[in-house]
PDB file of all heavy atoms in Angstrom:
ATOM      1  N   PRO A   1       0.820  -1.218   0.000  1.00  0.00           N
ATOM      2  CA  PRO A   1       0.000   0.000   0.000  1.00  0.00           C
ATOM      3  C   PRO A   1       0.852   1.267   0.000  1.00  0.00           C
ATOM      4  O   PRO A   1       1.797   1.396   0.764  1.00  0.00           O
ATOM      5  CB  PRO A   1      -0.816  -0.130   1.296  1.00  0.00           C
ATOM      6  CG  PRO A   1      -0.932  -1.603   1.516  1.00  0.00           C
ATOM      7  CD  PRO A   1       0.389  -2.173   1.050  1.00  0.00           C
ATOM      8  N   GLY A   2       0.525   2.185  -0.890  1.00  0.00           N
ATOM      9  CA  GLY A   2       1.231   3.455  -0.985  1.00  0.00           C
ATOM     10  C   GLY A   2       2.348   3.463  -2.006  1.00  0.00           C
ATOM     11  O   GLY A   2       2.807   4.543  -2.411  1.00  0.00           O
ATOM     12  N   GLY A   3       2.792   2.292  -2.451  1.00  0.00           N
ATOM     13  CA  GLY A   3       3.914   2.229  -3.378  1.00  0.00           C
ATOM     14  C   GLY A   3       3.596   2.824  -4.735  1.00  0.00           C
ATOM     15  O   GLY A   3       4.404   3.563  -5.319  1.00  0.00           O
ATOM     16  N   LEU A   4       2.418   2.537  -5.287  1.00  0.00           N
ATOM     17  CA  LEU A   4       2.035   3.048  -6.601  1.00  0.00           C
ATOM     18  C   LEU A   4       1.857   4.564  -6.572  1.00  0.00           C
ATOM     19  O   LEU A   4       2.377   5.275  -7.440  1.00  0.00           O
ATOM     20  CB  LEU A   4       0.753   2.364  -7.073  1.00  0.00           C
ATOM     21  CG  LEU A   4       0.139   2.890  -8.378  1.00  0.00           C
ATOM     22  CD1 LEU A   4       1.130   2.791  -9.531  1.00  0.00           C
ATOM     23  CD2 LEU A   4      -1.148   2.133  -8.701  1.00  0.00           C
ATOM     24  N   SER A   5       1.134   5.066  -5.588  1.00  0.00           N
ATOM     25  CA  SER A   5       0.878   6.509  -5.534  1.00  0.00           C
ATOM     26  C   SER A   5       2.171   7.291  -5.319  1.00  0.00           C
ATOM     27  O   SER A   5       2.356   8.364  -5.911  1.00  0.00           O
ATOM     28  CB  SER A   5      -0.139   6.836  -4.441  1.00  0.00           C
ATOM     29  OG  SER A   5       0.269   6.320  -3.188  1.00  0.00           O
ATOM     30  N   ARG A   6       3.075   6.772  -4.523  1.00  0.00           N
ATOM     31  CA  ARG A   6       4.367   7.456  -4.341  1.00  0.00           C
ATOM     32  C   ARG A   6       5.146   7.510  -5.647  1.00  0.00           C
ATOM     33  O   ARG A   6       5.758   8.531  -5.984  1.00  0.00           O
ATOM     34  CB  ARG A   6       5.188   6.755  -3.261  1.00  0.00           C
ATOM     35  CG  ARG A   6       4.749   7.049  -1.829  1.00  0.00           C
ATOM     36  CD  ARG A   6       5.803   6.590  -0.830  1.00  0.00           C
ATOM     37  NE  ARG A   6       6.034   5.156  -0.894  1.00  0.00           N
ATOM     38  CZ  ARG A   6       5.352   4.251  -0.197  1.00  0.00           C
ATOM     39  NH1 ARG A   6       4.375   4.657   0.623  1.00  0.00           N
ATOM     40  NH2 ARG A   6       5.623   2.979  -0.292  1.00  0.00           N
ATOM     41  N   ALA A   7       5.131   6.401  -6.403  1.00  0.00           N
ATOM     42  CA  ALA A   7       5.854   6.367  -7.673  1.00  0.00           C
ATOM     43  C   ALA A   7       5.264   7.358  -8.670  1.00  0.00           C
ATOM     44  O   ALA A   7       6.000   8.057  -9.381  1.00  0.00           O
ATOM     45  CB  ALA A   7       5.822   4.949  -8.250  1.00  0.00           C
ATOM     46  N   VAL A   8       3.949   7.444  -8.737  1.00  0.00           N
ATOM     47  CA  VAL A   8       3.299   8.362  -9.676  1.00  0.00           C
ATOM     48  C   VAL A   8       3.590   9.809  -9.299  1.00  0.00           C
ATOM     49  O   VAL A   8       3.949  10.633 -10.149  1.00  0.00           O
ATOM     50  CB  VAL A   8       1.782   8.099  -9.724  1.00  0.00           C
ATOM     51  CG1 VAL A   8       1.060   9.202 -10.496  1.00  0.00           C
ATOM     52  CG2 VAL A   8       1.500   6.733 -10.360  1.00  0.00           C
ATOM     53  N   ARG A   9       3.442  10.132  -8.034  1.00  0.00           N
ATOM     54  CA  ARG A   9       3.713  11.511  -7.592  1.00  0.00           C
ATOM     55  C   ARG A   9       5.155  11.901  -7.905  1.00  0.00           C
ATOM     56  O   ARG A   9       5.426  12.993  -8.419  1.00  0.00           O
ATOM     57  CB  ARG A   9       3.452  11.646  -6.094  1.00  0.00           C
ATOM     58  CG  ARG A   9       1.992  11.527  -5.677  1.00  0.00           C
ATOM     59  CD  ARG A   9       1.834  11.938  -4.218  1.00  0.00           C
ATOM     60  NE  ARG A   9       0.585  11.424  -3.661  1.00  0.00           N
ATOM     61  CZ  ARG A   9       0.490  10.364  -2.865  1.00  0.00           C
ATOM     62  NH1 ARG A   9       1.590   9.671  -2.538  1.00  0.00           N
ATOM     63  NH2 ARG A   9      -0.686   9.972  -2.408  1.00  0.00           N
ATOM     64  N   GLY A  10       6.079  11.007  -7.589  1.00  0.00           N
ATOM     65  CA  GLY A  10       7.491  11.303  -7.824  1.00  0.00           C
ATOM     66  C   GLY A  10       7.805  11.472  -9.298  1.00  0.00           C
ATOM     67  O   GLY A  10       8.560  12.364  -9.695  1.00  0.00           O
ATOM     68  N   ALA A  11       7.203  10.632 -10.147  1.00  0.00           N
ATOM     69  CA  ALA A  11       7.467  10.689 -11.580  1.00  0.00           C
ATOM     70  C   ALA A  11       6.968  11.995 -12.190  1.00  0.00           C
ATOM     71  O   ALA A  11       7.611  12.560 -13.090  1.00  0.00           O
ATOM     72  CB  ALA A  11       6.810   9.508 -12.278  1.00  0.00           C
ATOM     73  N   LEU A  12       5.830  12.494 -11.717  1.00  0.00           N
ATOM     74  CA  LEU A  12       5.214  13.680 -12.307  1.00  0.00           C
ATOM     75  C   LEU A  12       5.784  14.990 -11.772  1.00  0.00           C
ATOM     76  O   LEU A  12       5.409  16.062 -12.261  1.00  0.00           O
ATOM     77  CB  LEU A  12       3.697  13.644 -12.071  1.00  0.00           C
ATOM     78  CG  LEU A  12       2.957  12.515 -12.809  1.00  0.00           C
ATOM     79  CD1 LEU A  12       1.515  12.434 -12.346  1.00  0.00           C
ATOM     80  CD2 LEU A  12       3.033  12.712 -14.320  1.00  0.00           C
ATOM     81  N   GLN A  13       6.699  14.911 -10.828  1.00  0.00           N
ATOM     82  CA  GLN A  13       7.288  16.139 -10.271  1.00  0.00           C
ATOM     83  C   GLN A  13       8.202  16.847 -11.258  1.00  0.00           C
ATOM     84  O   GLN A  13       8.389  18.061 -11.172  1.00  0.00           O
ATOM     85  CB  GLN A  13       8.082  15.806  -8.991  1.00  0.00           C
ATOM     86  CG  GLN A  13       7.204  15.594  -7.773  1.00  0.00           C
ATOM     87  CD  GLN A  13       8.024  15.306  -6.528  1.00  0.00           C
ATOM     88  OE1 GLN A  13       9.253  15.090  -6.598  1.00  0.00           O
ATOM     89  NE2 GLN A  13       7.378  15.293  -5.378  1.00  0.00           N
ATOM     90  N   ASP A  14       8.802  16.109 -12.174  1.00  0.00           N
ATOM     91  CA  ASP A  14       9.785  16.685 -13.095  1.00  0.00           C
ATOM     92  C   ASP A  14       9.384  16.371 -14.532  1.00  0.00           C
ATOM     93  O   ASP A  14       9.824  15.374 -15.119  1.00  0.00           O
ATOM     94  CB  ASP A  14      11.174  16.115 -12.796  1.00  0.00           C
ATOM     95  CG  ASP A  14      12.278  16.854 -13.531  1.00  0.00           C
ATOM     96  OD1 ASP A  14      11.972  17.554 -14.513  1.00  0.00           O
ATOM     97  OD2 ASP A  14      13.459  16.697 -13.145  1.00  0.00           O
ATOM     98  N   PRO A  15       8.547  17.214 -15.155  1.00  0.00           N
ATOM     99  CA  PRO A  15       8.061  16.945 -16.518  1.00  0.00           C
ATOM    100  C   PRO A  15       9.181  16.840 -17.544  1.00  0.00           C
ATOM    101  O   PRO A  15       9.087  16.027 -18.484  1.00  0.00           O
ATOM    102  CB  PRO A  15       7.153  18.144 -16.806  1.00  0.00           C
ATOM    103  CG  PRO A  15       6.753  18.660 -15.457  1.00  0.00           C
ATOM    104  CD  PRO A  15       7.936  18.415 -14.569  1.00  0.00           C
ATOM    105  N   ASP A  16      10.214  17.657 -17.404  1.00  0.00           N
ATOM    106  CA  ASP A  16      11.307  17.623 -18.384  1.00  0.00           C
ATOM    107  C   ASP A  16      12.040  16.279 -18.337  1.00  0.00           C
ATOM    108  O   ASP A  16      12.375  15.691 -19.369  1.00  0.00           O
ATOM    109  CB  ASP A  16      12.291  18.766 -18.131  1.00  0.00           C
ATOM    110  CG  ASP A  16      11.685  20.132 -18.441  1.00  0.00           C
ATOM    111  OD1 ASP A  16      10.711  20.174 -19.223  1.00  0.00           O
ATOM    112  OD2 ASP A  16      12.168  21.136 -17.895  1.00  0.00           O
ATOM    113  N   ARG A  17      12.292  15.799 -17.122  1.00  0.00           N
ATOM    114  CA  ARG A  17      12.946  14.491 -16.984  1.00  0.00           C
ATOM    115  C   ARG A  17      12.056  13.397 -17.563  1.00  0.00           C
ATOM    116  O   ARG A  17      12.532  12.488 -18.247  1.00  0.00           O
ATOM    117  CB  ARG A  17      13.234  14.215 -15.512  1.00  0.00           C
ATOM    118  CG  ARG A  17      13.887  12.861 -15.275  1.00  0.00           C
ATOM    119  CD  ARG A  17      13.812  12.459 -13.818  1.00  0.00           C
ATOM    120  NE  ARG A  17      14.411  11.146 -13.598  1.00  0.00           N
ATOM    121  CZ  ARG A  17      14.141  10.363 -12.576  1.00  0.00           C
ATOM    122  NH1 ARG A  17      13.277  10.767 -11.653  1.00  0.00           N
ATOM    123  NH2 ARG A  17      14.725   9.196 -12.450  1.00  0.00           N
ATOM    124  N   LEU A  18      10.768  13.500 -17.317  1.00  0.00           N
ATOM    125  CA  LEU A  18       9.825  12.498 -17.804  1.00  0.00           C
ATOM    126  C   LEU A  18       9.806  12.467 -19.332  1.00  0.00           C
ATOM    127  O   LEU A  18       9.778  11.392 -19.941  1.00  0.00           O
ATOM    128  CB  LEU A  18       8.427  12.812 -17.257  1.00  0.00           C
ATOM    129  CG  LEU A  18       7.389  11.694 -17.288  1.00  0.00           C
ATOM    130  CD1 LEU A  18       7.890  10.464 -16.536  1.00  0.00           C
ATOM    131  CD2 LEU A  18       6.077  12.188 -16.686  1.00  0.00           C
ATOM    132  N   ALA A  19       9.862  13.632 -19.955  1.00  0.00           N
ATOM    133  CA  ALA A  19       9.892  13.696 -21.418  1.00  0.00           C
ATOM    134  C   ALA A  19      11.154  13.045 -21.971  1.00  0.00           C
ATOM    135  O   ALA A  19      11.115  12.336 -22.984  1.00  0.00           O
ATOM    136  CB  ALA A  19       9.785  15.152 -21.868  1.00  0.00           C
ATOM    137  N   GLY A  20      12.278  13.267 -21.304  1.00  0.00           N
ATOM    138  CA  GLY A  20      13.523  12.633 -21.719  1.00  0.00           C
ATOM    139  C   GLY A  20      13.486  11.128 -21.549  1.00  0.00           C
ATOM    140  O   GLY A  20      14.010  10.375 -22.393  1.00  0.00           O
ATOM    141  N   MET A  21      12.866  10.664 -20.464  1.00  0.00           N
ATOM    142  CA  MET A  21      12.736   9.224 -20.247  1.00  0.00           C
ATOM    143  C   MET A  21      11.869   8.585 -21.323  1.00  0.00           C
ATOM    144  O   MET A  21      12.135   7.453 -21.760  1.00  0.00           O
ATOM    145  CB  MET A  21      12.141   8.957 -18.858  1.00  0.00           C
ATOM    146  CG  MET A  21      13.082   9.215 -17.706  1.00  0.00           C
ATOM    147  SD  MET A  21      12.284   8.913 -16.098  1.00  0.00           S
ATOM    148  CE  MET A  21      11.858   7.164 -16.238  1.00  0.00           C
ATOM    149  N   ALA A  22      10.826   9.275 -21.753  1.00  0.00           N
ATOM    150  CA  ALA A  22       9.950   8.735 -22.789  1.00  0.00           C
ATOM    151  C   ALA A  22      10.722   8.509 -24.081  1.00  0.00           C
ATOM    152  O   ALA A  22      10.545   7.486 -24.761  1.00  0.00           O
ATOM    153  CB  ALA A  22       8.778   9.687 -23.019  1.00  0.00           C
ATOM    154  N   ILE A  23      11.593   9.452 -24.418  1.00  0.00           N
ATOM    155  CA  ILE A  23      12.414   9.310 -25.626  1.00  0.00           C
ATOM    156  C   ILE A  23      13.371   8.136 -25.478  1.00  0.00           C
ATOM    157  O   ILE A  23      13.550   7.318 -26.396  1.00  0.00           O
ATOM    158  CB  ILE A  23      13.183  10.615 -25.896  1.00  0.00           C
ATOM    159  CG1 ILE A  23      12.208  11.748 -26.246  1.00  0.00           C
ATOM    160  CG2 ILE A  23      14.202  10.424 -27.016  1.00  0.00           C
ATOM    161  CD1 ILE A  23      12.851  13.114 -26.328  1.00  0.00           C
ATOM    162  N   ALA A  24      13.998   8.020 -24.305  1.00  0.00           N
ATOM    163  CA  ALA A  24      14.944   6.930 -24.067  1.00  0.00           C
ATOM    164  C   ALA A  24      14.256   5.574 -24.069  1.00  0.00           C
ATOM    165  O   ALA A  24      14.789   4.587 -24.609  1.00  0.00           O
ATOM    166  CB  ALA A  24      15.660   7.160 -22.733  1.00  0.00           C
ATOM    167  N   ALA A  25      13.057   5.508 -23.482  1.00  0.00           N
ATOM    168  CA  ALA A  25      12.319   4.245 -23.435  1.00  0.00           C
ATOM    169  C   ALA A  25      11.930   3.777 -24.832  1.00  0.00           C
ATOM    170  O   ALA A  25      12.015   2.588 -25.157  1.00  0.00           O
ATOM    171  CB  ALA A  25      11.070   4.407 -22.567  1.00  0.00           C
ATOM    172  N   ARG A  26      11.513   4.710 -25.674  1.00  0.00           N
ATOM    173  CA  ARG A  26      11.132   4.351 -27.039  1.00  0.00           C
ATOM    174  C   ARG A  26      12.342   3.835 -27.818  1.00  0.00           C
ATOM    175  O   ARG A  26      12.258   2.807 -28.514  1.00  0.00           O
ATOM    176  CB  ARG A  26      10.512   5.546 -27.751  1.00  0.00           C
ATOM    177  CG  ARG A  26       9.984   5.207 -29.143  1.00  0.00           C
ATOM    178  CD  ARG A  26       9.146   6.339 -29.717  1.00  0.00           C
ATOM    179  NE  ARG A  26       8.431   5.874 -30.890  1.00  0.00           N
ATOM    180  CZ  ARG A  26       8.887   5.953 -32.145  1.00  0.00           C
ATOM    181  NH1 ARG A  26      10.078   6.509 -32.372  1.00  0.00           N
ATOM    182  NH2 ARG A  26       8.174   5.503 -33.151  1.00  0.00           N
ATOM    183  N   ALA A  27      13.458   4.528 -27.698  1.00  0.00           N
ATOM    184  CA  ALA A  27      14.666   4.097 -28.402  1.00  0.00           C
ATOM    185  C   ALA A  27      15.105   2.716 -27.932  1.00  0.00           C
ATOM    186  O   ALA A  27      15.516   1.866 -28.737  1.00  0.00           O
ATOM    187  CB  ALA A  27      15.784   5.120 -28.189  1.00  0.00           C
ATOM    188  N   TYR A  28      15.008   2.459 -26.643  1.00  0.00           N
ATOM    189  CA  TYR A  28      15.426   1.184 -26.073  1.00  0.00           C
ATOM    190  C   TYR A  28      14.513   0.052 -26.567  1.00  0.00           C
ATOM    191  O   TYR A  28      14.980  -1.044 -26.908  1.00  0.00           O
ATOM    192  CB  TYR A  28      15.385   1.271 -24.553  1.00  0.00           C
ATOM    193  CG  TYR A  28      16.112   0.168 -23.840  1.00  0.00           C
ATOM    194  CD1 TYR A  28      17.507   0.156 -23.758  1.00  0.00           C
ATOM    195  CD2 TYR A  28      15.417  -0.870 -23.234  1.00  0.00           C
ATOM    196  CE1 TYR A  28      18.188  -0.851 -23.097  1.00  0.00           C
ATOM    197  CE2 TYR A  28      16.085  -1.891 -22.570  1.00  0.00           C
ATOM    198  CZ  TYR A  28      17.467  -1.866 -22.507  1.00  0.00           C
ATOM    199  OH  TYR A  28      18.127  -2.876 -21.858  1.00  0.00           O
ATOM    200  N   THR A  29      13.213   0.334 -26.619  1.00  0.00           N
ATOM    201  CA  THR A  29      12.263  -0.666 -27.099  1.00  0.00           C
ATOM    202  C   THR A  29      12.487  -0.986 -28.568  1.00  0.00           C
ATOM    203  O   THR A  29      12.478  -2.150 -28.972  1.00  0.00           O
ATOM    204  CB  THR A  29      10.821  -0.164 -26.884  1.00  0.00           C
ATOM    205  OG1 THR A  29      10.570  -0.067 -25.486  1.00  0.00           O
ATOM    206  CG2 THR A  29       9.801  -1.114 -27.497  1.00  0.00           C
ATOM    207  N   LEU A  30      12.695   0.037 -29.382  1.00  0.00           N
ATOM    208  CA  LEU A  30      12.918  -0.186 -30.808  1.00  0.00           C
ATOM    209  C   LEU A  30      14.219  -0.934 -31.073  1.00  0.00           C
ATOM    210  O   LEU A  30      14.355  -1.621 -32.094  1.00  0.00           O
ATOM    211  CB  LEU A  30      12.915   1.151 -31.550  1.00  0.00           C
ATOM    212  CG  LEU A  30      11.566   1.882 -31.598  1.00  0.00           C
ATOM    213  CD1 LEU A  30      11.710   3.234 -32.263  1.00  0.00           C
ATOM    214  CD2 LEU A  30      10.519   1.041 -32.313  1.00  0.00           C
ATOM    215  N   GLU A  31      15.163  -0.830 -30.160  1.00  0.00           N
ATOM    216  CA  GLU A  31      16.435  -1.540 -30.329  1.00  0.00           C
ATOM    217  C   GLU A  31      16.363  -2.987 -29.851  1.00  0.00           C
ATOM    218  O   GLU A  31      16.929  -3.884 -30.485  1.00  0.00           O
ATOM    219  CB  GLU A  31      17.545  -0.812 -29.574  1.00  0.00           C
ATOM    220  CG  GLU A  31      18.913  -1.469 -29.738  1.00  0.00           C
ATOM    221  CD  GLU A  31      20.029  -0.731 -29.017  1.00  0.00           C
ATOM    222  OE1 GLU A  31      19.762   0.305 -28.376  1.00  0.00           O
ATOM    223  OE2 GLU A  31      21.193  -1.187 -29.101  1.00  0.00           O
ATOM    224  N   HIS A  32      15.647  -3.223 -28.764  1.00  0.00           N
ATOM    225  CA  HIS A  32      15.740  -4.535 -28.110  1.00  0.00           C
ATOM    226  C   HIS A  32      14.450  -5.350 -28.056  1.00  0.00           C
ATOM    227  O   HIS A  32      14.506  -6.557 -27.795  1.00  0.00           O
ATOM    228  CB  HIS A  32      16.242  -4.366 -26.673  1.00  0.00           C
ATOM    229  CG  HIS A  32      17.612  -3.796 -26.571  1.00  0.00           C
ATOM    230  ND1 HIS A  32      18.721  -4.426 -27.086  1.00  0.00           N
ATOM    231  CD2 HIS A  32      18.057  -2.627 -26.020  1.00  0.00           C
ATOM    232  CE1 HIS A  32      19.800  -3.692 -26.851  1.00  0.00           C
ATOM    233  NE2 HIS A  32      19.427  -2.603 -26.220  1.00  0.00           N
ATOM    234  N   HIS A  33      13.282  -4.742 -28.256  1.00  0.00           N
ATOM    235  CA  HIS A  33      12.046  -5.457 -27.956  1.00  0.00           C
ATOM    236  C   HIS A  33      11.052  -5.560 -29.112  1.00  0.00           C
ATOM    237  O   HIS A  33       9.913  -5.960 -28.900  1.00  0.00           O
ATOM    238  CB  HIS A  33      11.365  -4.818 -26.741  1.00  0.00           C
ATOM    239  CG  HIS A  33      12.201  -4.876 -25.503  1.00  0.00           C
ATOM    240  ND1 HIS A  33      12.723  -6.058 -25.024  1.00  0.00           N
ATOM    241  CD2 HIS A  33      12.643  -3.907 -24.669  1.00  0.00           C
ATOM    242  CE1 HIS A  33      13.428  -5.811 -23.933  1.00  0.00           C
ATOM    243  NE2 HIS A  33      13.404  -4.515 -23.703  1.00  0.00           N
ATOM    244  N   THR A  34      11.472  -5.228 -30.319  1.00  0.00           N
ATOM    245  CA  THR A  34      10.615  -5.440 -31.474  1.00  0.00           C
ATOM    246  C   THR A  34      10.601  -6.924 -31.839  1.00  0.00           C
ATOM    247  O   THR A  34      11.412  -7.720 -31.347  1.00  0.00           O
ATOM    248  CB  THR A  34      11.113  -4.637 -32.678  1.00  0.00           C
ATOM    249  OG1 THR A  34      12.440  -5.091 -33.004  1.00  0.00           O
ATOM    250  CG2 THR A  34      11.137  -3.140 -32.380  1.00  0.00           C
ATOM    251  N   LEU A  35       9.691  -7.294 -32.729  1.00  0.00           N
ATOM    252  CA  LEU A  35       9.662  -8.669 -33.220  1.00  0.00           C
ATOM    253  C   LEU A  35      11.010  -9.072 -33.814  1.00  0.00           C
ATOM    254  O   LEU A  35      11.530 -10.154 -33.540  1.00  0.00           O
ATOM    255  CB  LEU A  35       8.564  -8.817 -34.278  1.00  0.00           C
ATOM    256  CG  LEU A  35       7.123  -8.913 -33.786  1.00  0.00           C
ATOM    257  CD1 LEU A  35       6.159  -8.730 -34.948  1.00  0.00           C
ATOM    258  CD2 LEU A  35       6.878 -10.257 -33.105  1.00  0.00           C
TER     259      LEU A  35
END
């Protein structure tokens, strides 16, 4: 209990960092997790 809400609050505190992570996550998926 409380783990999910803490993670969401923490993630949304820094929009710029979150935008950078989204770019990195997409690049990582396209490199390693496509068919």
